Amino acid sequence: MDRVSFSMEFLFRASPTIIYKFLTTPDCLIRWFCDDCNIIDGRFSFEWDGEEEVAMALEDIENEQLKLEWEEFEGEEEFLDFKMSRSEVTGETILEITAFCDSDEVEQEKQFWSTQMEALRRATGG
């Protein structure tokens, strides 16, 4: 199956500093993304339903970007990228997500990320 990238944007009232904290802190990640998490030297170990998945930080720019490469796709130029910016018009934080999935799973993955972003929005207070 072909792998494709897709991007989505979400608006938050929370600042980029808060969003970044919720992307890079284990105690915050378990509030919206995974069941358990450990981060050591740029190595993110996530756990869902007892299964572990590991990602390495490719880019980590405080309050601006977190780009991860999943261990199982190492060297395949696939990544999960979170970019944060501020809307000059509304002052809201724009969180752009770029991810990869099988070509027949794009809508399912978009729904997954929409659900996760709602959980993140609740966890960050908006």
PDB file of N, CA and C in Angstrom:
ATOM      1  N   MET A   1       0.844  -1.181   0.000  1.00  0.00           N
ATOM      2  CA  MET A   1       0.000   0.000   0.000  1.00  0.00           C
ATOM      3  C   MET A   1       0.889   1.245   0.000  1.00  0.00           C
ATOM      4  N   ASP A   2       0.537   2.210  -0.821  1.00  0.00           N
ATOM      5  CA  ASP A   2       1.287   3.465  -0.872  1.00  0.00           C
ATOM      6  C   ASP A   2       1.056   4.276   0.395  1.00  0.00           C
ATOM      7  N   ARG A   3       2.106   4.934   0.851  1.00  0.00           N
ATOM      8  CA  ARG A   3       2.017   5.822   2.006  1.00  0.00           C
ATOM      9  C   ARG A   3       1.942   7.258   1.490  1.00  0.00           C
ATOM     10  N   VAL A   4       1.096   8.048   2.089  1.00  0.00           N
ATOM     11  CA  VAL A   4       0.902   9.435   1.673  1.00  0.00           C
ATOM     12  C   VAL A   4       0.950  10.341   2.897  1.00  0.00           C
ATOM     13  N   SER A   5       1.276  11.597   2.646  1.00  0.00           N
ATOM     14  CA  SER A   5       1.258  12.572   3.735  1.00  0.00           C
ATOM     15  C   SER A   5      -0.032  13.380   3.664  1.00  0.00           C
ATOM     16  N   PHE A   6      -0.421  13.906   4.797  1.00  0.00           N
ATOM     17  CA  PHE A   6      -1.557  14.819   4.852  1.00  0.00           C
ATOM     18  C   PHE A   6      -1.276  15.833   5.952  1.00  0.00           C
ATOM     19  N   SER A   7      -1.900  16.992   5.830  1.00  0.00           N
ATOM     20  CA  SER A   7      -1.731  18.051   6.827  1.00  0.00           C
ATOM     21  C   SER A   7      -3.091  18.570   7.259  1.00  0.00           C
ATOM     22  N   MET A   8      -3.145  19.001   8.504  1.00  0.00           N
ATOM     23  CA  MET A   8      -4.363  19.576   9.066  1.00  0.00           C
ATOM     24  C   MET A   8      -3.963  20.740   9.963  1.00  0.00           C
ATOM     25  N   GLU A   9      -4.859  21.731  10.091  1.00  0.00           N
ATOM     26  CA  GLU A   9      -4.620  22.856  10.987  1.00  0.00           C
ATOM     27  C   GLU A   9      -5.731  22.930  12.018  1.00  0.00           C
ATOM     28  N   PHE A  10      -5.344  23.280  13.236  1.00  0.00           N
ATOM     29  CA  PHE A  10      -6.288  23.413  14.335  1.00  0.00           C
ATOM     30  C   PHE A  10      -5.980  24.708  15.081  1.00  0.00           C
ATOM     31  N   LEU A  11      -7.021  25.370  15.566  1.00  0.00           N
ATOM     32  CA  LEU A  11      -6.867  26.615  16.309  1.00  0.00           C
ATOM     33  C   LEU A  11      -7.066  26.366  17.798  1.00  0.00           C
ATOM     34  N   PHE A  12      -6.245  27.028  18.606  1.00  0.00           N
ATOM     35  CA  PHE A  12      -6.314  26.912  20.060  1.00  0.00           C
ATOM     36  C   PHE A  12      -6.250  28.297  20.686  1.00  0.00           C
ATOM     37  N   ARG A  13      -6.955  28.467  21.787  1.00  0.00           N
ATOM     38  CA  ARG A  13      -6.817  29.702  22.565  1.00  0.00           C
ATOM     39  C   ARG A  13      -5.533  29.660  23.388  1.00  0.00           C
ATOM     40  N   ALA A  14      -5.080  28.462  23.737  1.00  0.00           N
ATOM     41  CA  ALA A  14      -3.851  28.301  24.520  1.00  0.00           C
ATOM     42  C   ALA A  14      -2.650  28.805  23.713  1.00  0.00           C
ATOM     43  N   SER A  15      -1.657  29.309  24.416  1.00  0.00           N
ATOM     44  CA  SER A  15      -0.457  29.856  23.768  1.00  0.00           C
ATOM     45  C   SER A  15       0.410  28.745  23.176  1.00  0.00           C
ATOM     46  N   PRO A  16       1.312  29.099  22.240  1.00  0.00           N
ATOM     47  CA  PRO A  16       2.261  28.106  21.732  1.00  0.00           C
ATOM     48  C   PRO A  16       3.090  27.471  22.849  1.00  0.00           C
ATOM     49  N   THR A  17       3.402  28.232  23.890  1.00  0.00           N
ATOM     50  CA  THR A  17       4.168  27.696  25.016  1.00  0.00           C
ATOM     51  C   THR A  17       3.420  26.551  25.691  1.00  0.00           C
ATOM     52  N   ILE A  18       2.132  26.727  25.903  1.00  0.00           N
ATOM     53  CA  ILE A  18       1.324  25.678  26.536  1.00  0.00           C
ATOM     54  C   ILE A  18       1.178  24.481  25.605  1.00  0.00           C
ATOM     55  N   ILE A  19       0.894  24.731  24.330  1.00  0.00           N
ATOM     56  CA  ILE A  19       0.752  23.628  23.367  1.00  0.00           C
ATOM     57  C   ILE A  19       2.050  22.829  23.307  1.00  0.00           C
ATOM     58  N   TYR A  20       3.175  23.528  23.225  1.00  0.00           N
ATOM     59  CA  TYR A  20       4.477  22.854  23.178  1.00  0.00           C
ATOM     60  C   TYR A  20       4.676  21.973  24.406  1.00  0.00           C
ATOM     61  N   LYS A  21       4.329  22.484  25.570  1.00  0.00           N
ATOM     62  CA  LYS A  21       4.456  21.701  26.805  1.00  0.00           C
ATOM     63  C   LYS A  21       3.627  20.421  26.708  1.00  0.00           C
ATOM     64  N   PHE A  22       2.434  20.504  26.139  1.00  0.00           N
ATOM     65  CA  PHE A  22       1.561  19.336  26.025  1.00  0.00           C
ATOM     66  C   PHE A  22       2.029  18.354  24.949  1.00  0.00           C
ATOM     67  N   LEU A  23       2.951  18.774  24.097  1.00  0.00           N
ATOM     68  CA  LEU A  23       3.535  17.884  23.087  1.00  0.00           C
ATOM     69  C   LEU A  23       4.833  17.239  23.564  1.00  0.00           C
ATOM     70  N   THR A  24       5.456  17.813  24.586  1.00  0.00           N
ATOM     71  CA  THR A  24       6.813  17.393  24.943  1.00  0.00           C
ATOM     72  C   THR A  24       6.994  16.961  26.396  1.00  0.00           C
ATOM     73  N   THR A  25       5.933  16.888  27.154  1.00  0.00           N
ATOM     74  CA  THR A  25       6.013  16.518  28.565  1.00  0.00           C
ATOM     75  C   THR A  25       5.188  15.258  28.807  1.00  0.00           C
ATOM     76  N   PRO A  26       5.801  14.191  29.318  1.00  0.00           N
ATOM     77  CA  PRO A  26       5.054  12.942  29.524  1.00  0.00           C
ATOM     78  C   PRO A  26       3.761  13.111  30.316  1.00  0.00           C
ATOM     79  N   ASP A  27       3.798  13.872  31.417  1.00  0.00           N
ATOM     80  CA  ASP A  27       2.595  14.059  32.222  1.00  0.00           C
ATOM     81  C   ASP A  27       1.473  14.735  31.436  1.00  0.00           C
ATOM     82  N   CYS A  28       1.829  15.570  30.485  1.00  0.00           N
ATOM     83  CA  CYS A  28       0.823  16.235  29.648  1.00  0.00           C
ATOM     84  C   CYS A  28       0.386  15.341  28.485  1.00  0.00           C
ATOM     85  N   LEU A  29       1.308  14.620  27.884  1.00  0.00           N
ATOM     86  CA  LEU A  29       0.967  13.731  26.764  1.00  0.00           C
ATOM     87  C   LEU A  29      -0.051  12.670  27.170  1.00  0.00           C
ATOM     88  N   ILE A  30       0.054  12.150  28.390  1.00  0.00           N
ATOM     89  CA  ILE A  30      -0.895  11.111  28.803  1.00  0.00           C
ATOM     90  C   ILE A  30      -2.289  11.686  29.059  1.00  0.00           C
ATOM     91  N   ARG A  31      -2.419  12.987  29.106  1.00  0.00           N
ATOM     92  CA  ARG A  31      -3.733  13.610  29.291  1.00  0.00           C
ATOM     93  C   ARG A  31      -4.528  13.674  27.994  1.00  0.00           C
ATOM     94  N   TRP A  32      -3.843  13.518  26.830  1.00  0.00           N
ATOM     95  CA  TRP A  32      -4.594  13.648  25.579  1.00  0.00           C
ATOM     96  C   TRP A  32      -4.157  12.687  24.470  1.00  0.00           C
ATOM     97  N   PHE A  33      -2.976  12.079  24.564  1.00  0.00           N
ATOM     98  CA  PHE A  33      -2.442  11.354  23.409  1.00  0.00           C
ATOM     99  C   PHE A  33      -2.234   9.865  23.627  1.00  0.00           C
ATOM    100  N   CYS A  34      -1.721   9.464  24.762  1.00  0.00           N
ATOM    101  CA  CYS A  34      -1.332   8.066  24.958  1.00  0.00           C
ATOM    102  C   CYS A  34      -1.615   7.633  26.395  1.00  0.00           C
ATOM    103  N   ASP A  35      -1.472   6.335  26.640  1.00  0.00           N
ATOM    104  CA  ASP A  35      -1.693   5.801  27.989  1.00  0.00           C
ATOM    105  C   ASP A  35      -0.493   6.032  28.899  1.00  0.00           C
ATOM    106  N   ASP A  36       0.704   5.975  28.329  1.00  0.00           N
ATOM    107  CA  ASP A  36       1.929   6.188  29.091  1.00  0.00           C
ATOM    108  C   ASP A  36       2.987   6.742  28.148  1.00  0.00           C
ATOM    109  N   CYS A  37       3.971   7.438  28.698  1.00  0.00           N
ATOM    110  CA  CYS A  37       5.004   8.056  27.861  1.00  0.00           C
ATOM    111  C   CYS A  37       6.266   8.275  28.679  1.00  0.00           C
ATOM    112  N   ASN A  38       7.395   8.033  28.044  1.00  0.00           N
ATOM    113  CA  ASN A  38       8.704   8.368  28.601  1.00  0.00           C
ATOM    114  C   ASN A  38       9.493   9.079  27.514  1.00  0.00           C
ATOM    115  N   ILE A  39      10.232  10.090  27.905  1.00  0.00           N
ATOM    116  CA  ILE A  39      11.068  10.831  26.959  1.00  0.00           C
ATOM    117  C   ILE A  39      12.465  10.929  27.553  1.00  0.00           C
ATOM    118  N   ILE A  40      13.438  10.364  26.839  1.00  0.00           N
ATOM    119  CA  ILE A  40      14.830  10.416  27.275  1.00  0.00           C
ATOM    120  C   ILE A  40      15.696  10.756  26.063  1.00  0.00           C
ATOM    121  N   ASP A  41      16.422  11.866  26.162  1.00  0.00           N
ATOM    122  CA  ASP A  41      17.352  12.282  25.099  1.00  0.00           C
ATOM    123  C   ASP A  41      16.704  12.287  23.718  1.00  0.00           C
ATOM    124  N   GLY A  42      15.510  12.854  23.598  1.00  0.00           N
ATOM    125  CA  GLY A  42      14.842  12.951  22.309  1.00  0.00           C
ATOM    126  C   GLY A  42      14.179  11.678  21.832  1.00  0.00           C
ATOM    127  N   ARG A  43      14.172  10.651  22.664  1.00  0.00           N
ATOM    128  CA  ARG A  43      13.520   9.378  22.327  1.00  0.00           C
ATOM    129  C   ARG A  43      12.187   9.322  23.065  1.00  0.00           C
ATOM    130  N   PHE A  44      11.098   9.352  22.295  1.00  0.00           N
ATOM    131  CA  PHE A  44       9.751   9.318  22.842  1.00  0.00           C
ATOM    132  C   PHE A  44       9.246   7.883  22.801  1.00  0.00           C
ATOM    133  N   SER A  45       8.922   7.337  23.952  1.00  0.00           N
ATOM    134  CA  SER A  45       8.361   5.992  24.053  1.00  0.00           C
ATOM    135  C   SER A  45       6.901   6.133  24.482  1.00  0.00           C
ATOM    136  N   PHE A  46       5.980   5.824  23.550  1.00  0.00           N
ATOM    137  CA  PHE A  46       4.548   5.941  23.801  1.00  0.00           C
ATOM    138  C   PHE A  46       3.961   4.557  24.028  1.00  0.00           C
ATOM    139  N   GLU A  47       2.951   4.480  24.881  1.00  0.00           N
ATOM    140  CA  GLU A  47       2.272   3.206  25.100  1.00  0.00           C
ATOM    141  C   GLU A  47       0.766   3.395  24.944  1.00  0.00           C
ATOM    142  N   TRP A  48       0.169   2.491  24.160  1.00  0.00           N
ATOM    143  CA  TRP A  48      -1.272   2.420  23.982  1.00  0.00           C
ATOM    144  C   TRP A  48      -1.695   0.978  24.205  1.00  0.00           C
ATOM    145  N   ASP A  49      -2.646   0.749  25.094  1.00  0.00           N
ATOM    146  CA  ASP A  49      -3.171  -0.601  25.356  1.00  0.00           C
ATOM    147  C   ASP A  49      -2.058  -1.629  25.537  1.00  0.00           C
ATOM    148  N   GLY A  50      -0.999  -1.249  26.240  1.00  0.00           N
ATOM    149  CA  GLY A  50       0.100  -2.165  26.523  1.00  0.00           C
ATOM    150  C   GLY A  50       1.104  -2.335  25.400  1.00  0.00           C
ATOM    151  N   GLU A  51       0.880  -1.695  24.247  1.00  0.00           N
ATOM    152  CA  GLU A  51       1.799  -1.770  23.102  1.00  0.00           C
ATOM    153  C   GLU A  51       2.641  -0.500  23.044  1.00  0.00           C
ATOM    154  N   GLU A  52       3.948  -0.679  22.856  1.00  0.00           N
ATOM    155  CA  GLU A  52       4.865   0.453  22.804  1.00  0.00           C
ATOM    156  C   GLU A  52       5.201   0.823  21.363  1.00  0.00           C
ATOM    157  N   GLU A  53       5.242   2.133  21.110  1.00  0.00           N
ATOM    158  CA  GLU A  53       5.753   2.661  19.847  1.00  0.00           C
ATOM    159  C   GLU A  53       6.770   3.734  20.196  1.00  0.00           C
ATOM    160  N   VAL A  54       7.864   3.758  19.436  1.00  0.00           N
ATOM    161  CA  VAL A  54       8.968   4.665  19.737  1.00  0.00           C
ATOM    162  C   VAL A  54       9.182   5.626  18.573  1.00  0.00           C
ATOM    163  N   ALA A  55       9.447   6.878  18.919  1.00  0.00           N
ATOM    164  CA  ALA A  55       9.757   7.899  17.921  1.00  0.00           C
ATOM    165  C   ALA A  55      10.946   8.712  18.412  1.00  0.00           C
ATOM    166  N   MET A  56      11.740   9.185  17.466  1.00  0.00           N
ATOM    167  CA  MET A  56      12.881  10.049  17.776  1.00  0.00           C
ATOM    168  C   MET A  56      12.573  11.472  17.306  1.00  0.00           C
ATOM    169  N   ALA A  57      12.980  12.446  18.099  1.00  0.00           N
ATOM    170  CA  ALA A  57      12.802  13.843  17.721  1.00  0.00           C
ATOM    171  C   ALA A  57      13.809  14.199  16.627  1.00  0.00           C
ATOM    172  N   LEU A  58      13.299  14.619  15.478  1.00  0.00           N
ATOM    173  CA  LEU A  58      14.155  15.095  14.387  1.00  0.00           C
ATOM    174  C   LEU A  58      14.377  16.601  14.503  1.00  0.00           C
ATOM    175  N   GLU A  59      13.333  17.311  14.912  1.00  0.00           N
ATOM    176  CA  GLU A  59      13.393  18.757  15.144  1.00  0.00           C
ATOM    177  C   GLU A  59      12.670  19.021  16.452  1.00  0.00           C
ATOM    178  N   ASP A  60      13.241  19.859  17.277  1.00  0.00           N
ATOM    179  CA  ASP A  60      12.605  20.235  18.532  1.00  0.00           C
ATOM    180  C   ASP A  60      12.962  21.688  18.800  1.00  0.00           C
ATOM    181  N   ILE A  61      12.075  22.578  18.362  1.00  0.00           N
ATOM    182  CA  ILE A  61      12.285  24.014  18.521  1.00  0.00           C
ATOM    183  C   ILE A  61      11.229  24.507  19.506  1.00  0.00           C
ATOM    184  N   GLU A  62      11.680  24.883  20.678  1.00  0.00           N
ATOM    185  CA  GLU A  62      10.764  25.238  21.758  1.00  0.00           C
ATOM    186  C   GLU A  62       9.709  26.239  21.307  1.00  0.00           C
ATOM    187  N   ASN A  63       8.457  25.907  21.577  1.00  0.00           N
ATOM    188  CA  ASN A  63       7.280  26.733  21.290  1.00  0.00           C
ATOM    189  C   ASN A  63       7.013  26.937  19.799  1.00  0.00           C
ATOM    190  N   GLU A  64       7.717  26.199  18.923  1.00  0.00           N
ATOM    191  CA  GLU A  64       7.524  26.360  17.483  1.00  0.00           C
ATOM    192  C   GLU A  64       7.279  25.051  16.743  1.00  0.00           C
ATOM    193  N   GLN A  65       8.063  24.006  17.034  1.00  0.00           N
ATOM    194  CA  GLN A  65       7.965  22.784  16.230  1.00  0.00           C
ATOM    195  C   GLN A  65       8.468  21.569  16.998  1.00  0.00           C
ATOM    196  N   LEU A  66       7.762  20.457  16.779  1.00  0.00           N
ATOM    197  CA  LEU A  66       8.234  19.148  17.216  1.00  0.00           C
ATOM    198  C   LEU A  66       8.005  18.202  16.050  1.00  0.00           C
ATOM    199  N   LYS A  67       9.087  17.633  15.548  1.00  0.00           N
ATOM    200  CA  LYS A  67       9.021  16.712  14.413  1.00  0.00           C
ATOM    201  C   LYS A  67       9.588  15.374  14.860  1.00  0.00           C
ATOM    202  N   LEU A  68       8.761  14.336  14.763  1.00  0.00           N
ATOM    203  CA  LEU A  68       9.140  13.000  15.212  1.00  0.00           C
ATOM    204  C   LEU A  68       9.220  12.032  14.045  1.00  0.00           C
ATOM    205  N   GLU A  69      10.140  11.077  14.160  1.00  0.00           N
ATOM    206  CA  GLU A  69      10.235   9.981  13.192  1.00  0.00           C
ATOM    207  C   GLU A  69       9.945   8.689  13.947  1.00  0.00           C
ATOM    208  N   TRP A  70       8.913   7.966  13.513  1.00  0.00           N
ATOM    209  CA  TRP A  70       8.585   6.692  14.146  1.00  0.00           C
ATOM    210  C   TRP A  70       9.677   5.681  13.848  1.00  0.00           C
ATOM    211  N   GLU A  71      10.077   4.935  14.868  1.00  0.00           N
ATOM    212  CA  GLU A  71      11.154   3.953  14.744  1.00  0.00           C
ATOM    213  C   GLU A  71      10.888   2.957  13.615  1.00  0.00           C
ATOM    214  N   GLU A  72       9.646   2.524  13.466  1.00  0.00           N
ATOM    215  CA  GLU A  72       9.337   1.523  12.443  1.00  0.00           C
ATOM    216  C   GLU A  72       9.469   2.065  11.020  1.00  0.00           C
ATOM    217  N   PHE A  73       9.497   3.391  10.869  1.00  0.00           N
ATOM    218  CA  PHE A  73       9.647   3.992   9.543  1.00  0.00           C
ATOM    219  C   PHE A  73      10.972   4.741   9.409  1.00  0.00           C
ATOM    220  N   GLU A  74      11.932   4.428  10.252  1.00  0.00           N
ATOM    221  CA  GLU A  74      13.225   5.102  10.251  1.00  0.00           C
ATOM    222  C   GLU A  74      13.869   5.040   8.870  1.00  0.00           C
ATOM    223  N   GLY A  75      14.324   6.202   8.403  1.00  0.00           N
ATOM    224  CA  GLY A  75      15.000   6.278   7.118  1.00  0.00           C
ATOM    225  C   GLY A  75      14.077   6.308   5.918  1.00  0.00           C
ATOM    226  N   GLU A  76      12.764   6.314   6.144  1.00  0.00           N
ATOM    227  CA  GLU A  76      11.813   6.300   5.026  1.00  0.00           C
ATOM    228  C   GLU A  76      11.208   7.669   4.762  1.00  0.00           C
ATOM    229  N   GLU A  77      11.762   8.700   5.388  1.00  0.00           N
ATOM    230  CA  GLU A  77      11.290  10.069   5.217  1.00  0.00           C
ATOM    231  C   GLU A  77       9.819  10.230   5.573  1.00  0.00           C
ATOM    232  N   GLU A  78       9.376   9.482   6.573  1.00  0.00           N
ATOM    233  CA  GLU A  78       8.043   9.648   7.136  1.00  0.00           C
ATOM    234  C   GLU A  78       8.200  10.245   8.515  1.00  0.00           C
ATOM    235  N   PHE A  79       7.282  11.109   8.888  1.00  0.00           N
ATOM    236  CA  PHE A  79       7.401  11.797  10.162  1.00  0.00           C
ATOM    237  C   PHE A  79       6.031  12.244  10.648  1.00  0.00           C
ATOM    238  N   LEU A  80       6.017  12.683  11.878  1.00  0.00           N
ATOM    239  CA  LEU A  80       4.863  13.335  12.487  1.00  0.00           C
ATOM    240  C   LEU A  80       5.360  14.702  12.914  1.00  0.00           C
ATOM    241  N   ASP A  81       4.780  15.742  12.332  1.00  0.00           N
ATOM    242  CA  ASP A  81       5.288  17.092  12.534  1.00  0.00           C
ATOM    243  C   ASP A  81       4.202  17.981  13.132  1.00  0.00           C
ATOM    244  N   PHE A  82       4.548  18.667  14.211  1.00  0.00           N
ATOM    245  CA  PHE A  82       3.661  19.641  14.839  1.00  0.00           C
ATOM    246  C   PHE A  82       4.334  21.003  14.721  1.00  0.00           C
ATOM    247  N   LYS A  83       3.674  21.958  14.065  1.00  0.00           N
ATOM    248  CA  LYS A  83       4.209  23.318  13.953  1.00  0.00           C
ATOM    249  C   LYS A  83       3.218  24.286  14.585  1.00  0.00           C
ATOM    250  N   MET A  84       3.738  25.170  15.422  1.00  0.00           N
ATOM    251  CA  MET A  84       2.912  26.139  16.116  1.00  0.00           C
ATOM    252  C   MET A  84       3.244  27.546  15.657  1.00  0.00           C
ATOM    253  N   SER A  85       2.197  28.347  15.471  1.00  0.00           N
ATOM    254  CA  SER A  85       2.374  29.755  15.145  1.00  0.00           C
ATOM    255  C   SER A  85       1.181  30.516  15.718  1.00  0.00           C
ATOM    256  N   ARG A  86       1.288  31.829  15.709  1.00  0.00           N
ATOM    257  CA  ARG A  86       0.209  32.676  16.212  1.00  0.00           C
ATOM    258  C   ARG A  86      -0.485  33.355  15.048  1.00  0.00           C
ATOM    259  N   SER A  87      -1.809  33.380  15.079  1.00  0.00           N
ATOM    260  CA  SER A  87      -2.573  34.138  14.099  1.00  0.00           C
ATOM    261  C   SER A  87      -2.453  35.615  14.447  1.00  0.00           C
ATOM    262  N   GLU A  88      -1.992  36.413  13.497  1.00  0.00           N
ATOM    263  CA  GLU A  88      -1.866  37.845  13.742  1.00  0.00           C
ATOM    264  C   GLU A  88      -3.226  38.508  13.846  1.00  0.00           C
ATOM    265  N   VAL A  89      -4.243  37.893  13.252  1.00  0.00           N
ATOM    266  CA  VAL A  89      -5.586  38.472  13.250  1.00  0.00           C
ATOM    267  C   VAL A  89      -6.315  38.188  14.557  1.00  0.00           C
ATOM    268  N   THR A  90      -6.338  36.915  14.973  1.00  0.00           N
ATOM    269  CA  THR A  90      -7.138  36.521  16.141  1.00  0.00           C
ATOM    270  C   THR A  90      -6.315  36.313  17.405  1.00  0.00           C
ATOM    271  N   GLY A  91      -5.002  36.170  17.274  1.00  0.00           N
ATOM    272  CA  GLY A  91      -4.154  35.887  18.424  1.00  0.00           C
ATOM    273  C   GLY A  91      -4.173  34.435  18.851  1.00  0.00           C
ATOM    274  N   GLU A  92      -4.947  33.603  18.149  1.00  0.00           N
ATOM    275  CA  GLU A  92      -5.014  32.185  18.485  1.00  0.00           C
ATOM    276  C   GLU A  92      -3.743  31.468  18.030  1.00  0.00           C
ATOM    277  N   THR A  93      -3.492  30.323  18.648  1.00  0.00           N
ATOM    278  CA  THR A  93      -2.380  29.478  18.232  1.00  0.00           C
ATOM    279  C   THR A  93      -2.856  28.568  17.112  1.00  0.00           C
ATOM    280  N   ILE A  94      -2.095  28.527  16.043  1.00  0.00           N
ATOM    281  CA  ILE A  94      -2.367  27.613  14.930  1.00  0.00           C
ATOM    282  C   ILE A  94      -1.427  26.432  15.098  1.00  0.00           C
ATOM    283  N   LEU A  95      -2.000  25.247  15.189  1.00  0.00           N
ATOM    284  CA  LEU A  95      -1.203  24.024  15.269  1.00  0.00           C
ATOM    285  C   LEU A  95      -1.414  23.262  13.975  1.00  0.00           C
ATOM    286  N   GLU A  96      -0.344  23.155  13.184  1.00  0.00           N
ATOM    287  CA  GLU A  96      -0.399  22.401  11.928  1.00  0.00           C
ATOM    288  C   GLU A  96       0.250  21.043  12.159  1.00  0.00           C
ATOM    289  N   ILE A  97      -0.479  20.008  11.796  1.00  0.00           N
ATOM    290  CA  ILE A  97       0.018  18.639  11.927  1.00  0.00           C
ATOM    291  C   ILE A  97       0.231  18.076  10.535  1.00  0.00           C
ATOM    292  N   THR A  98       1.391  17.472  10.310  1.00  0.00           N
ATOM    293  CA  THR A  98       1.655  16.716   9.089  1.00  0.00           C
ATOM    294  C   THR A  98       1.998  15.303   9.517  1.00  0.00           C
ATOM    295  N   ALA A  99       1.316  14.336   8.905  1.00  0.00           N
ATOM    296  CA  ALA A  99       1.524  12.930   9.255  1.00  0.00           C
ATOM    297  C   ALA A  99       1.450  12.084   7.993  1.00  0.00           C
ATOM    298  N   PHE A 100       1.749  10.807   8.134  1.00  0.00           N
ATOM    299  CA  PHE A 100       1.722   9.853   7.027  1.00  0.00           C
ATOM    300  C   PHE A 100       0.825   8.680   7.388  1.00  0.00           C
ATOM    301  N   CYS A 101       0.224   8.089   6.353  1.00  0.00           N
ATOM    302  CA  CYS A 101      -0.592   6.892   6.547  1.00  0.00           C
ATOM    303  C   CYS A 101      -0.741   6.177   5.206  1.00  0.00           C
ATOM    304  N   ASP A 102      -1.330   4.989   5.236  1.00  0.00           N
ATOM    305  CA  ASP A 102      -1.642   4.288   3.994  1.00  0.00           C
ATOM    306  C   ASP A 102      -2.652   5.117   3.212  1.00  0.00           C
ATOM    307  N   SER A 103      -2.563   5.072   1.891  1.00  0.00           N
ATOM    308  CA  SER A 103      -3.404   5.919   1.046  1.00  0.00           C
ATOM    309  C   SER A 103      -4.897   5.686   1.249  1.00  0.00           C
ATOM    310  N   ASP A 104      -5.279   4.496   1.681  1.00  0.00           N
ATOM    311  CA  ASP A 104      -6.703   4.220   1.887  1.00  0.00           C
ATOM    312  C   ASP A 104      -7.167   4.530   3.313  1.00  0.00           C
ATOM    313  N   GLU A 105      -6.302   5.148   4.127  1.00  0.00           N
ATOM    314  CA  GLU A 105      -6.648   5.438   5.518  1.00  0.00           C
ATOM    315  C   GLU A 105      -6.635   6.930   5.846  1.00  0.00           C
ATOM    316  N   VAL A 106      -6.566   7.792   4.838  1.00  0.00           N
ATOM    317  CA  VAL A 106      -6.433   9.229   5.088  1.00  0.00           C
ATOM    318  C   VAL A 106      -7.616   9.770   5.887  1.00  0.00           C
ATOM    319  N   GLU A 107      -8.826   9.452   5.478  1.00  0.00           N
ATOM    320  CA  GLU A 107      -9.996   9.978   6.191  1.00  0.00           C
ATOM    321  C   GLU A 107     -10.051   9.472   7.624  1.00  0.00           C
ATOM    322  N   GLN A 108      -9.720   8.212   7.825  1.00  0.00           N
ATOM    323  CA  GLN A 108      -9.694   7.634   9.171  1.00  0.00           C
ATOM    324  C   GLN A 108      -8.646   8.340  10.031  1.00  0.00           C
ATOM    325  N   GLU A 109      -7.476   8.601   9.475  1.00  0.00           N
ATOM    326  CA  GLU A 109      -6.417   9.292  10.217  1.00  0.00           C
ATOM    327  C   GLU A 109      -6.802  10.742  10.523  1.00  0.00           C
ATOM    328  N   LYS A 110      -7.456  11.404   9.576  1.00  0.00           N
ATOM    329  CA  LYS A 110      -7.905  12.775   9.825  1.00  0.00           C
ATOM    330  C   LYS A 110      -8.922  12.804  10.958  1.00  0.00           C
ATOM    331  N   GLN A 111      -9.809  11.820  10.981  1.00  0.00           N
ATOM    332  CA  GLN A 111     -10.782  11.733  12.071  1.00  0.00           C
ATOM    333  C   GLN A 111     -10.068  11.488  13.402  1.00  0.00           C
ATOM    334  N   PHE A 112      -9.070  10.598  13.382  1.00  0.00           N
ATOM    335  CA  PHE A 112      -8.278  10.336  14.588  1.00  0.00           C
ATOM    336  C   PHE A 112      -7.667  11.626  15.116  1.00  0.00           C
ATOM    337  N   TRP A 113      -7.016  12.398  14.236  1.00  0.00           N
ATOM    338  CA  TRP A 113      -6.359  13.623  14.688  1.00  0.00           C
ATOM    339  C   TRP A 113      -7.364  14.678  15.125  1.00  0.00           C
ATOM    340  N   SER A 114      -8.516  14.735  14.499  1.00  0.00           N
ATOM    341  CA  SER A 114      -9.555  15.666  14.955  1.00  0.00           C
ATOM    342  C   SER A 114      -9.986  15.328  16.375  1.00  0.00           C
ATOM    343  N   THR A 115     -10.156  14.042  16.646  1.00  0.00           N
ATOM    344  CA  THR A 115     -10.526  13.590  17.990  1.00  0.00           C
ATOM    345  C   THR A 115      -9.418  13.906  18.990  1.00  0.00           C
ATOM    346  N   GLN A 116      -8.166  13.643  18.606  1.00  0.00           N
ATOM    347  CA  GLN A 116      -7.040  13.923  19.503  1.00  0.00           C
ATOM    348  C   GLN A 116      -6.917  15.422  19.776  1.00  0.00           C
ATOM    349  N   MET A 117      -7.156  16.248  18.768  1.00  0.00           N
ATOM    350  CA  MET A 117      -7.042  17.693  18.958  1.00  0.00           C
ATOM    351  C   MET A 117      -8.147  18.222  19.867  1.00  0.00           C
ATOM    352  N   GLU A 118      -9.322  17.603  19.827  1.00  0.00           N
ATOM    353  CA  GLU A 118     -10.377  17.973  20.775  1.00  0.00           C
ATOM    354  C   GLU A 118      -9.938  17.644  22.197  1.00  0.00           C
ATOM    355  N   ALA A 119      -9.307  16.490  22.375  1.00  0.00           N
ATOM    356  CA  ALA A 119      -8.797  16.108  23.695  1.00  0.00           C
ATOM    357  C   ALA A 119      -7.698  17.080  24.139  1.00  0.00           C
ATOM    358  N   LEU A 120      -6.823  17.478  23.212  1.00  0.00           N
ATOM    359  CA  LEU A 120      -5.770  18.441  23.532  1.00  0.00           C
ATOM    360  C   LEU A 120      -6.388  19.793  23.892  1.00  0.00           C
ATOM    361  N   ARG A 121      -7.399  20.198  23.156  1.00  0.00           N
ATOM    362  CA  ARG A 121      -8.065  21.471  23.427  1.00  0.00           C
ATOM    363  C   ARG A 121      -8.659  21.473  24.846  1.00  0.00           C
ATOM    364  N   ARG A 122      -9.314  20.384  25.217  1.00  0.00           N
ATOM    365  CA  ARG A 122      -9.873  20.288  26.573  1.00  0.00           C
ATOM    366  C   ARG A 122      -8.756  20.311  27.623  1.00  0.00           C
ATOM    367  N   ALA A 123      -7.675  19.583  27.359  1.00  0.00           N
ATOM    368  CA  ALA A 123      -6.571  19.495  28.324  1.00  0.00           C
ATOM    369  C   ALA A 123      -5.865  20.839  28.524  1.00  0.00           C
ATOM    370  N   THR A 124      -5.814  21.649  27.463  1.00  0.00           N
ATOM    371  CA  THR A 124      -5.117  22.938  27.545  1.00  0.00           C
ATOM    372  C   THR A 124      -6.052  24.085  27.915  1.00  0.00           C
ATOM    373  N   GLY A 125      -7.325  23.792  28.056  1.00  0.00           N
ATOM    374  CA  GLY A 125      -8.284  24.828  28.407  1.00  0.00           C
ATOM    375  C   GLY A 125      -8.736  25.663  27.231  1.00  0.00           C
ATOM    376  N   GLY A 126      -8.565  25.137  26.051  1.00  0.00           N
ATOM    377  CA  GLY A 126      -9.078  25.850  24.887  1.00  0.00           C
ATOM    378  C   GLY A 126      -8.146  25.816  23.750  1.00  0.00           C
TER     379      GLY A 126
END
